[in-house]
Amino acid sequence: MSDVIADQPPGAPDPAAPRPLGVARTPTGDDGVDRTLARLADADHLPAEGHVEVYEDVHGGLRDALTALDVRPAPPGPPR
């Protein structure tokens, strides 16, 4: 039995293969957040069942970035 799909010309891409979603990611200006969001591109090359790990990783990175905003020292106030 042949692995070629009958209605598909030779060399055509596999319609069941993962394809990029083409979702644009706008830079935020924060290098750490931008690196975390860039990880979303990894999902473009994975089957759907692999997306969960990528999304959880990105969610965790963004949550950590937001949490870090709460622990940064406040700017110095006026001298006493």
PDB file of N, CA and C in Angstrom:
ATOM      1  N   MET A   1       0.842  -1.177   0.000  1.00  0.00           N
ATOM      2  CA  MET A   1       0.000   0.000   0.000  1.00  0.00           C
ATOM      3  C   MET A   1       0.885   1.238   0.000  1.00  0.00           C
ATOM      4  N   SER A   2       0.506   2.257  -0.737  1.00  0.00           N
ATOM      5  CA  SER A   2       1.309   3.463  -0.880  1.00  0.00           C
ATOM      6  C   SER A   2       0.986   4.459   0.225  1.00  0.00           C
ATOM      7  N   ASP A   3       2.003   5.230   0.648  1.00  0.00           N
ATOM      8  CA  ASP A   3       1.803   6.275   1.636  1.00  0.00           C
ATOM      9  C   ASP A   3       1.326   7.579   1.003  1.00  0.00           C
ATOM     10  N   VAL A   4       1.271   7.649  -0.314  1.00  0.00           N
ATOM     11  CA  VAL A   4       0.872   8.867  -1.006  1.00  0.00           C
ATOM     12  C   VAL A   4      -0.646   8.990  -0.975  1.00  0.00           C
ATOM     13  N   ILE A   5      -1.134  10.173  -0.647  1.00  0.00           N
ATOM     14  CA  ILE A   5      -2.570  10.433  -0.661  1.00  0.00           C
ATOM     15  C   ILE A   5      -2.991  10.594  -2.112  1.00  0.00           C
ATOM     16  N   ALA A   6      -4.050   9.938  -2.536  1.00  0.00           N
ATOM     17  CA  ALA A   6      -4.449   9.879  -3.933  1.00  0.00           C
ATOM     18  C   ALA A   6      -4.683  11.246  -4.558  1.00  0.00           C
ATOM     19  N   ASP A   7      -5.293  12.182  -3.863  1.00  0.00           N
ATOM     20  CA  ASP A   7      -5.633  13.479  -4.437  1.00  0.00           C
ATOM     21  C   ASP A   7      -4.532  14.520  -4.263  1.00  0.00           C
ATOM     22  N   GLN A   8      -3.384  14.118  -3.798  1.00  0.00           N
ATOM     23  CA  GLN A   8      -2.320  15.059  -3.486  1.00  0.00           C
ATOM     24  C   GLN A   8      -1.164  14.876  -4.463  1.00  0.00           C
ATOM     25  N   PRO A   9      -0.705  15.965  -5.104  1.00  0.00           N
ATOM     26  CA  PRO A   9       0.428  15.833  -6.032  1.00  0.00           C
ATOM     27  C   PRO A   9       1.711  15.511  -5.277  1.00  0.00           C
ATOM     28  N   PRO A  10       2.657  14.855  -5.944  1.00  0.00           N
ATOM     29  CA  PRO A  10       3.932  14.543  -5.288  1.00  0.00           C
ATOM     30  C   PRO A  10       4.625  15.825  -4.828  1.00  0.00           C
ATOM     31  N   GLY A  11       5.207  15.785  -3.643  1.00  0.00           N
ATOM     32  CA  GLY A  11       5.919  16.934  -3.103  1.00  0.00           C
ATOM     33  C   GLY A  11       5.033  17.957  -2.412  1.00  0.00           C
ATOM     34  N   ALA A  12       3.720  17.750  -2.428  1.00  0.00           N
ATOM     35  CA  ALA A  12       2.807  18.683  -1.758  1.00  0.00           C
ATOM     36  C   ALA A  12       2.926  18.510  -0.253  1.00  0.00           C
ATOM     37  N   PRO A  13       2.733  19.605   0.509  1.00  0.00           N
ATOM     38  CA  PRO A  13       2.824  19.469   1.968  1.00  0.00           C
ATOM     39  C   PRO A  13       1.718  18.571   2.513  1.00  0.00           C
ATOM     40  N   ASP A  14       2.039  17.890   3.589  1.00  0.00           N
ATOM     41  CA  ASP A  14       1.073  17.010   4.249  1.00  0.00           C
ATOM     42  C   ASP A  14      -0.008  17.875   4.901  1.00  0.00           C
ATOM     43  N   PRO A  15      -1.272  17.720   4.520  1.00  0.00           N
ATOM     44  CA  PRO A  15      -2.326  18.559   5.108  1.00  0.00           C
ATOM     45  C   PRO A  15      -2.531  18.310   6.598  1.00  0.00           C
ATOM     46  N   ALA A  16      -2.050  17.182   7.110  1.00  0.00           N
ATOM     47  CA  ALA A  16      -2.205  16.890   8.533  1.00  0.00           C
ATOM     48  C   ALA A  16      -1.020  17.386   9.355  1.00  0.00           C
ATOM     49  N   ALA A  17       0.017  17.894   8.694  1.00  0.00           N
ATOM     50  CA  ALA A  17       1.200  18.367   9.414  1.00  0.00           C
ATOM     51  C   ALA A  17       0.898  19.689  10.123  1.00  0.00           C
ATOM     52  N   PRO A  18       1.593  19.957  11.233  1.00  0.00           N
ATOM     53  CA  PRO A  18       1.387  21.238  11.928  1.00  0.00           C
ATOM     54  C   PRO A  18       1.734  22.399  11.006  1.00  0.00           C
ATOM     55  N   ARG A  19       0.945  23.460  11.083  1.00  0.00           N
ATOM     56  CA  ARG A  19       1.188  24.667  10.291  1.00  0.00           C
ATOM     57  C   ARG A  19       1.164  25.868  11.215  1.00  0.00           C
ATOM     58  N   PRO A  20       2.029  26.854  10.948  1.00  0.00           N
ATOM     59  CA  PRO A  20       2.015  28.068  11.775  1.00  0.00           C
ATOM     60  C   PRO A  20       0.651  28.744  11.722  1.00  0.00           C
ATOM     61  N   LEU A  21       0.229  29.289  12.853  1.00  0.00           N
ATOM     62  CA  LEU A  21      -1.059  29.983  12.912  1.00  0.00           C
ATOM     63  C   LEU A  21      -0.970  31.383  12.324  1.00  0.00           C
ATOM     64  N   GLY A  22       0.234  31.925  12.252  1.00  0.00           N
ATOM     65  CA  GLY A  22       0.409  33.253  11.695  1.00  0.00           C
ATOM     66  C   GLY A  22      -0.058  34.372  12.609  1.00  0.00           C
ATOM     67  N   VAL A  23      -0.062  34.113  13.912  1.00  0.00           N
ATOM     68  CA  VAL A  23      -0.478  35.128  14.874  1.00  0.00           C
ATOM     69  C   VAL A  23       0.711  36.042  15.141  1.00  0.00           C
ATOM     70  N   ALA A  24       0.527  37.327  14.899  1.00  0.00           N
ATOM     71  CA  ALA A  24       1.607  38.290  15.121  1.00  0.00           C
ATOM     72  C   ALA A  24       1.779  38.569  16.606  1.00  0.00           C
ATOM     73  N   ARG A  25       3.025  38.718  17.016  1.00  0.00           N
ATOM     74  CA  ARG A  25       3.330  39.080  18.399  1.00  0.00           C
ATOM     75  C   ARG A  25       4.003  40.437  18.369  1.00  0.00           C
ATOM     76  N   THR A  26       3.371  41.411  18.952  1.00  0.00           N
ATOM     77  CA  THR A  26       3.895  42.774  18.995  1.00  0.00           C
ATOM     78  C   THR A  26       4.862  42.909  20.164  1.00  0.00           C
ATOM     79  N   PRO A  27       6.070  43.415  19.923  1.00  0.00           N
ATOM     80  CA  PRO A  27       7.016  43.588  21.022  1.00  0.00           C
ATOM     81  C   PRO A  27       6.437  44.481  22.117  1.00  0.00           C
ATOM     82  N   THR A  28       6.737  44.112  23.353  1.00  0.00           N
ATOM     83  CA  THR A  28       6.220  44.860  24.500  1.00  0.00           C
ATOM     84  C   THR A  28       7.195  45.919  24.996  1.00  0.00           C
ATOM     85  N   GLY A  29       8.463  45.767  24.629  1.00  0.00           N
ATOM     86  CA  GLY A  29       9.480  46.668  25.153  1.00  0.00           C
ATOM     87  C   GLY A  29      10.189  46.109  26.367  1.00  0.00           C
ATOM     88  N   ASP A  30       9.691  45.029  26.927  1.00  0.00           N
ATOM     89  CA  ASP A  30      10.322  44.346  28.053  1.00  0.00           C
ATOM     90  C   ASP A  30      10.980  43.083  27.493  1.00  0.00           C
ATOM     91  N   ASP A  31      12.321  43.039  27.559  1.00  0.00           N
ATOM     92  CA  ASP A  31      13.045  41.919  26.957  1.00  0.00           C
ATOM     93  C   ASP A  31      12.610  40.559  27.496  1.00  0.00           C
ATOM     94  N   GLY A  32      12.422  40.462  28.808  1.00  0.00           N
ATOM     95  CA  GLY A  32      12.017  39.189  29.403  1.00  0.00           C
ATOM     96  C   GLY A  32      10.649  38.738  28.930  1.00  0.00           C
ATOM     97  N   VAL A  33       9.708  39.657  28.874  1.00  0.00           N
ATOM     98  CA  VAL A  33       8.357  39.329  28.409  1.00  0.00           C
ATOM     99  C   VAL A  33       8.396  38.969  26.930  1.00  0.00           C
ATOM    100  N   ASP A  34       9.161  39.717  26.144  1.00  0.00           N
ATOM    101  CA  ASP A  34       9.250  39.426  24.713  1.00  0.00           C
ATOM    102  C   ASP A  34       9.866  38.055  24.453  1.00  0.00           C
ATOM    103  N   ARG A  35      10.888  37.691  25.240  1.00  0.00           N
ATOM    104  CA  ARG A  35      11.476  36.350  25.089  1.00  0.00           C
ATOM    105  C   ARG A  35      10.462  35.274  25.459  1.00  0.00           C
ATOM    106  N   THR A  36       9.696  35.523  26.502  1.00  0.00           N
ATOM    107  CA  THR A  36       8.677  34.554  26.920  1.00  0.00           C
ATOM    108  C   THR A  36       7.623  34.392  25.831  1.00  0.00           C
ATOM    109  N   LEU A  37       7.149  35.502  25.289  1.00  0.00           N
ATOM    110  CA  LEU A  37       6.137  35.442  24.234  1.00  0.00           C
ATOM    111  C   LEU A  37       6.678  34.805  22.950  1.00  0.00           C
ATOM    112  N   ALA A  38       7.968  34.973  22.693  1.00  0.00           N
ATOM    113  CA  ALA A  38       8.569  34.357  21.505  1.00  0.00           C
ATOM    114  C   ALA A  38       8.467  32.835  21.570  1.00  0.00           C
ATOM    115  N   ARG A  39       8.398  32.296  22.768  1.00  0.00           N
ATOM    116  CA  ARG A  39       8.254  30.836  22.947  1.00  0.00           C
ATOM    117  C   ARG A  39       6.968  30.321  22.302  1.00  0.00           C
ATOM    118  N   LEU A  40       5.965  31.195  22.132  1.00  0.00           N
ATOM    119  CA  LEU A  40       4.725  30.772  21.488  1.00  0.00           C
ATOM    120  C   LEU A  40       4.965  30.245  20.078  1.00  0.00           C
ATOM    121  N   ALA A  41       6.015  30.721  19.412  1.00  0.00           N
ATOM    122  CA  ALA A  41       6.332  30.252  18.061  1.00  0.00           C
ATOM    123  C   ALA A  41       6.645  28.760  18.049  1.00  0.00           C
ATOM    124  N   ASP A  42       7.083  28.211  19.181  1.00  0.00           N
ATOM    125  CA  ASP A  42       7.365  26.773  19.254  1.00  0.00           C
ATOM    126  C   ASP A  42       6.113  25.948  18.988  1.00  0.00           C
ATOM    127  N   ALA A  43       4.966  26.474  19.342  1.00  0.00           N
ATOM    128  CA  ALA A  43       3.711  25.738  19.133  1.00  0.00           C
ATOM    129  C   ALA A  43       3.397  25.584  17.654  1.00  0.00           C
ATOM    130  N   ASP A  44       3.941  26.470  16.820  1.00  0.00           N
ATOM    131  CA  ASP A  44       3.687  26.387  15.384  1.00  0.00           C
ATOM    132  C   ASP A  44       4.223  25.107  14.769  1.00  0.00           C
ATOM    133  N   HIS A  45       5.199  24.490  15.401  1.00  0.00           N
ATOM    134  CA  HIS A  45       5.856  23.313  14.830  1.00  0.00           C
ATOM    135  C   HIS A  45       5.495  22.030  15.555  1.00  0.00           C
ATOM    136  N   LEU A  46       4.516  22.116  16.444  1.00  0.00           N
ATOM    137  CA  LEU A  46       4.121  20.943  17.226  1.00  0.00           C
ATOM    138  C   LEU A  46       2.696  20.533  16.903  1.00  0.00           C
ATOM    139  N   PRO A  47       2.406  19.252  17.035  1.00  0.00           N
ATOM    140  CA  PRO A  47       0.997  18.845  16.939  1.00  0.00           C
ATOM    141  C   PRO A  47       0.219  19.422  18.118  1.00  0.00           C
ATOM    142  N   ALA A  48      -1.079  19.463  18.002  1.00  0.00           N
ATOM    143  CA  ALA A  48      -1.935  20.110  19.006  1.00  0.00           C
ATOM    144  C   ALA A  48      -1.657  19.617  20.422  1.00  0.00           C
ATOM    145  N   GLU A  49      -1.382  18.344  20.599  1.00  0.00           N
ATOM    146  CA  GLU A  49      -1.159  17.833  21.957  1.00  0.00           C
ATOM    147  C   GLU A  49       0.128  18.395  22.570  1.00  0.00           C
ATOM    148  N   GLY A  50       1.036  18.945  21.778  1.00  0.00           N
ATOM    149  CA  GLY A  50       2.247  19.556  22.304  1.00  0.00           C
ATOM    150  C   GLY A  50       2.074  21.012  22.687  1.00  0.00           C
ATOM    151  N   HIS A  51       0.949  21.615  22.312  1.00  0.00           N
ATOM    152  CA  HIS A  51       0.717  23.033  22.592  1.00  0.00           C
ATOM    153  C   HIS A  51       0.566  23.322  24.082  1.00  0.00           C
ATOM    154  N   VAL A  52      -0.020  22.402  24.811  1.00  0.00           N
ATOM    155  CA  VAL A  52      -0.295  22.641  26.235  1.00  0.00           C
ATOM    156  C   VAL A  52       0.987  22.960  26.984  1.00  0.00           C
ATOM    157  N   GLU A  53       2.040  22.207  26.736  1.00  0.00           N
ATOM    158  CA  GLU A  53       3.306  22.450  27.441  1.00  0.00           C
ATOM    159  C   GLU A  53       3.844  23.849  27.123  1.00  0.00           C
ATOM    160  N   VAL A  54       3.761  24.249  25.862  1.00  0.00           N
ATOM    161  CA  VAL A  54       4.240  25.583  25.470  1.00  0.00           C
ATOM    162  C   VAL A  54       3.399  26.658  26.148  1.00  0.00           C
ATOM    163  N   TYR A  55       2.082  26.520  26.091  1.00  0.00           N
ATOM    164  CA  TYR A  55       1.200  27.530  26.686  1.00  0.00           C
ATOM    165  C   TYR A  55       1.402  27.630  28.200  1.00  0.00           C
ATOM    166  N   GLU A  56       1.580  26.484  28.864  1.00  0.00           N
ATOM    167  CA  GLU A  56       1.805  26.509  30.304  1.00  0.00           C
ATOM    168  C   GLU A  56       3.140  27.181  30.634  1.00  0.00           C
ATOM    169  N   ASP A  57       4.146  26.926  29.817  1.00  0.00           N
ATOM    170  CA  ASP A  57       5.451  27.546  30.026  1.00  0.00           C
ATOM    171  C   ASP A  57       5.355  29.068  29.853  1.00  0.00           C
ATOM    172  N   VAL A  58       4.672  29.513  28.803  1.00  0.00           N
ATOM    173  CA  VAL A  58       4.517  30.952  28.564  1.00  0.00           C
ATOM    174  C   VAL A  58       3.687  31.580  29.686  1.00  0.00           C
ATOM    175  N   HIS A  59       2.607  30.922  30.080  1.00  0.00           N
ATOM    176  CA  HIS A  59       1.768  31.444  31.153  1.00  0.00           C
ATOM    177  C   HIS A  59       2.585  31.607  32.435  1.00  0.00           C
ATOM    178  N   GLY A  60       3.391  30.600  32.761  1.00  0.00           N
ATOM    179  CA  GLY A  60       4.220  30.675  33.959  1.00  0.00           C
ATOM    180  C   GLY A  60       5.226  31.817  33.872  1.00  0.00           C
ATOM    181  N   GLY A  61       5.834  31.999  32.706  1.00  0.00           N
ATOM    182  CA  GLY A  61       6.797  33.084  32.536  1.00  0.00           C
ATOM    183  C   GLY A  61       6.153  34.453  32.675  1.00  0.00           C
ATOM    184  N   LEU A  62       4.966  34.614  32.106  1.00  0.00           N
ATOM    185  CA  LEU A  62       4.262  35.892  32.232  1.00  0.00           C
ATOM    186  C   LEU A  62       3.802  36.139  33.667  1.00  0.00           C
ATOM    187  N   ARG A  63       3.359  35.081  34.333  1.00  0.00           N
ATOM    188  CA  ARG A  63       2.951  35.208  35.735  1.00  0.00           C
ATOM    189  C   ARG A  63       4.148  35.630  36.590  1.00  0.00           C
ATOM    190  N   ASP A  64       5.317  35.036  36.331  1.00  0.00           N
ATOM    191  CA  ASP A  64       6.523  35.402  37.069  1.00  0.00           C
ATOM    192  C   ASP A  64       6.901  36.865  36.817  1.00  0.00           C
ATOM    193  N   ALA A  65       6.750  37.318  35.573  1.00  0.00           N
ATOM    194  CA  ALA A  65       7.075  38.713  35.253  1.00  0.00           C
ATOM    195  C   ALA A  65       6.136  39.664  35.992  1.00  0.00           C
ATOM    196  N   LEU A  66       4.859  39.313  36.069  1.00  0.00           N
ATOM    197  CA  LEU A  66       3.910  40.161  36.797  1.00  0.00           C
ATOM    198  C   LEU A  66       4.191  40.150  38.295  1.00  0.00           C
ATOM    199  N   THR A  67       4.527  38.984  38.831  1.00  0.00           N
ATOM    200  CA  THR A  67       4.844  38.873  40.249  1.00  0.00           C
ATOM    201  C   THR A  67       6.087  39.701  40.587  1.00  0.00           C
ATOM    202  N   ALA A  68       7.048  39.710  39.671  1.00  0.00           N
ATOM    203  CA  ALA A  68       8.276  40.475  39.908  1.00  0.00           C
ATOM    204  C   ALA A  68       7.990  41.973  40.006  1.00  0.00           C
ATOM    205  N   LEU A  69       6.931  42.430  39.375  1.00  0.00           N
ATOM    206  CA  LEU A  69       6.588  43.857  39.476  1.00  0.00           C
ATOM    207  C   LEU A  69       6.223  44.232  40.902  1.00  0.00           C
ATOM    208  N   ASP A  70       5.679  43.295  41.650  1.00  0.00           N
ATOM    209  CA  ASP A  70       5.275  43.564  43.026  1.00  0.00           C
ATOM    210  C   ASP A  70       6.444  43.585  44.000  1.00  0.00           C
ATOM    211  N   VAL A  71       7.571  42.992  43.648  1.00  0.00           N
ATOM    212  CA  VAL A  71       8.683  42.902  44.584  1.00  0.00           C
ATOM    213  C   VAL A  71       9.812  43.880  44.268  1.00  0.00           C
ATOM    214  N   ARG A  72       9.680  44.635  43.207  1.00  0.00           N
ATOM    215  CA  ARG A  72      10.706  45.631  42.907  1.00  0.00           C
ATOM    216  C   ARG A  72      10.654  46.733  43.954  1.00  0.00           C
ATOM    217  N   PRO A  73      11.821  47.230  44.346  1.00  0.00           N
ATOM    218  CA  PRO A  73      11.819  48.324  45.323  1.00  0.00           C
ATOM    219  C   PRO A  73      11.197  49.590  44.709  1.00  0.00           C
ATOM    220  N   ALA A  74      10.529  50.326  45.548  1.00  0.00           N
ATOM    221  CA  ALA A  74       9.931  51.580  45.095  1.00  0.00           C
ATOM    222  C   ALA A  74      11.032  52.595  44.840  1.00  0.00           C
ATOM    223  N   PRO A  75      10.782  53.544  43.959  1.00  0.00           N
ATOM    224  CA  PRO A  75      11.801  54.572  43.727  1.00  0.00           C
ATOM    225  C   PRO A  75      12.024  55.365  45.009  1.00  0.00           C
ATOM    226  N   PRO A  76      13.230  55.891  45.162  1.00  0.00           N
ATOM    227  CA  PRO A  76      13.532  56.636  46.393  1.00  0.00           C
ATOM    228  C   PRO A  76      12.638  57.865  46.515  1.00  0.00           C
ATOM    229  N   GLY A  77      12.182  58.110  47.710  1.00  0.00           N
ATOM    230  CA  GLY A  77      11.340  59.268  47.981  1.00  0.00           C
ATOM    231  C   GLY A  77      12.205  60.482  48.337  1.00  0.00           C
ATOM    232  N   PRO A  78      11.566  61.534  48.716  1.00  0.00           N
ATOM    233  CA  PRO A  78      12.313  62.732  49.106  1.00  0.00           C
ATOM    234  C   PRO A  78      13.132  62.468  50.368  1.00  0.00           C
ATOM    235  N   PRO A  79      14.279  63.100  50.491  1.00  0.00           N
ATOM    236  CA  PRO A  79      15.109  62.876  51.686  1.00  0.00           C
ATOM    237  C   PRO A  79      14.385  63.371  52.945  1.00  0.00           C
ATOM    238  N   ARG A  80      14.673  62.726  54.036  1.00  0.00           N
ATOM    239  CA  ARG A  80      14.034  63.094  55.320  1.00  0.00           C
ATOM    240  C   ARG A  80      14.928  63.988  56.111  1.00  0.00           C
TER     241      ARG A  80
END
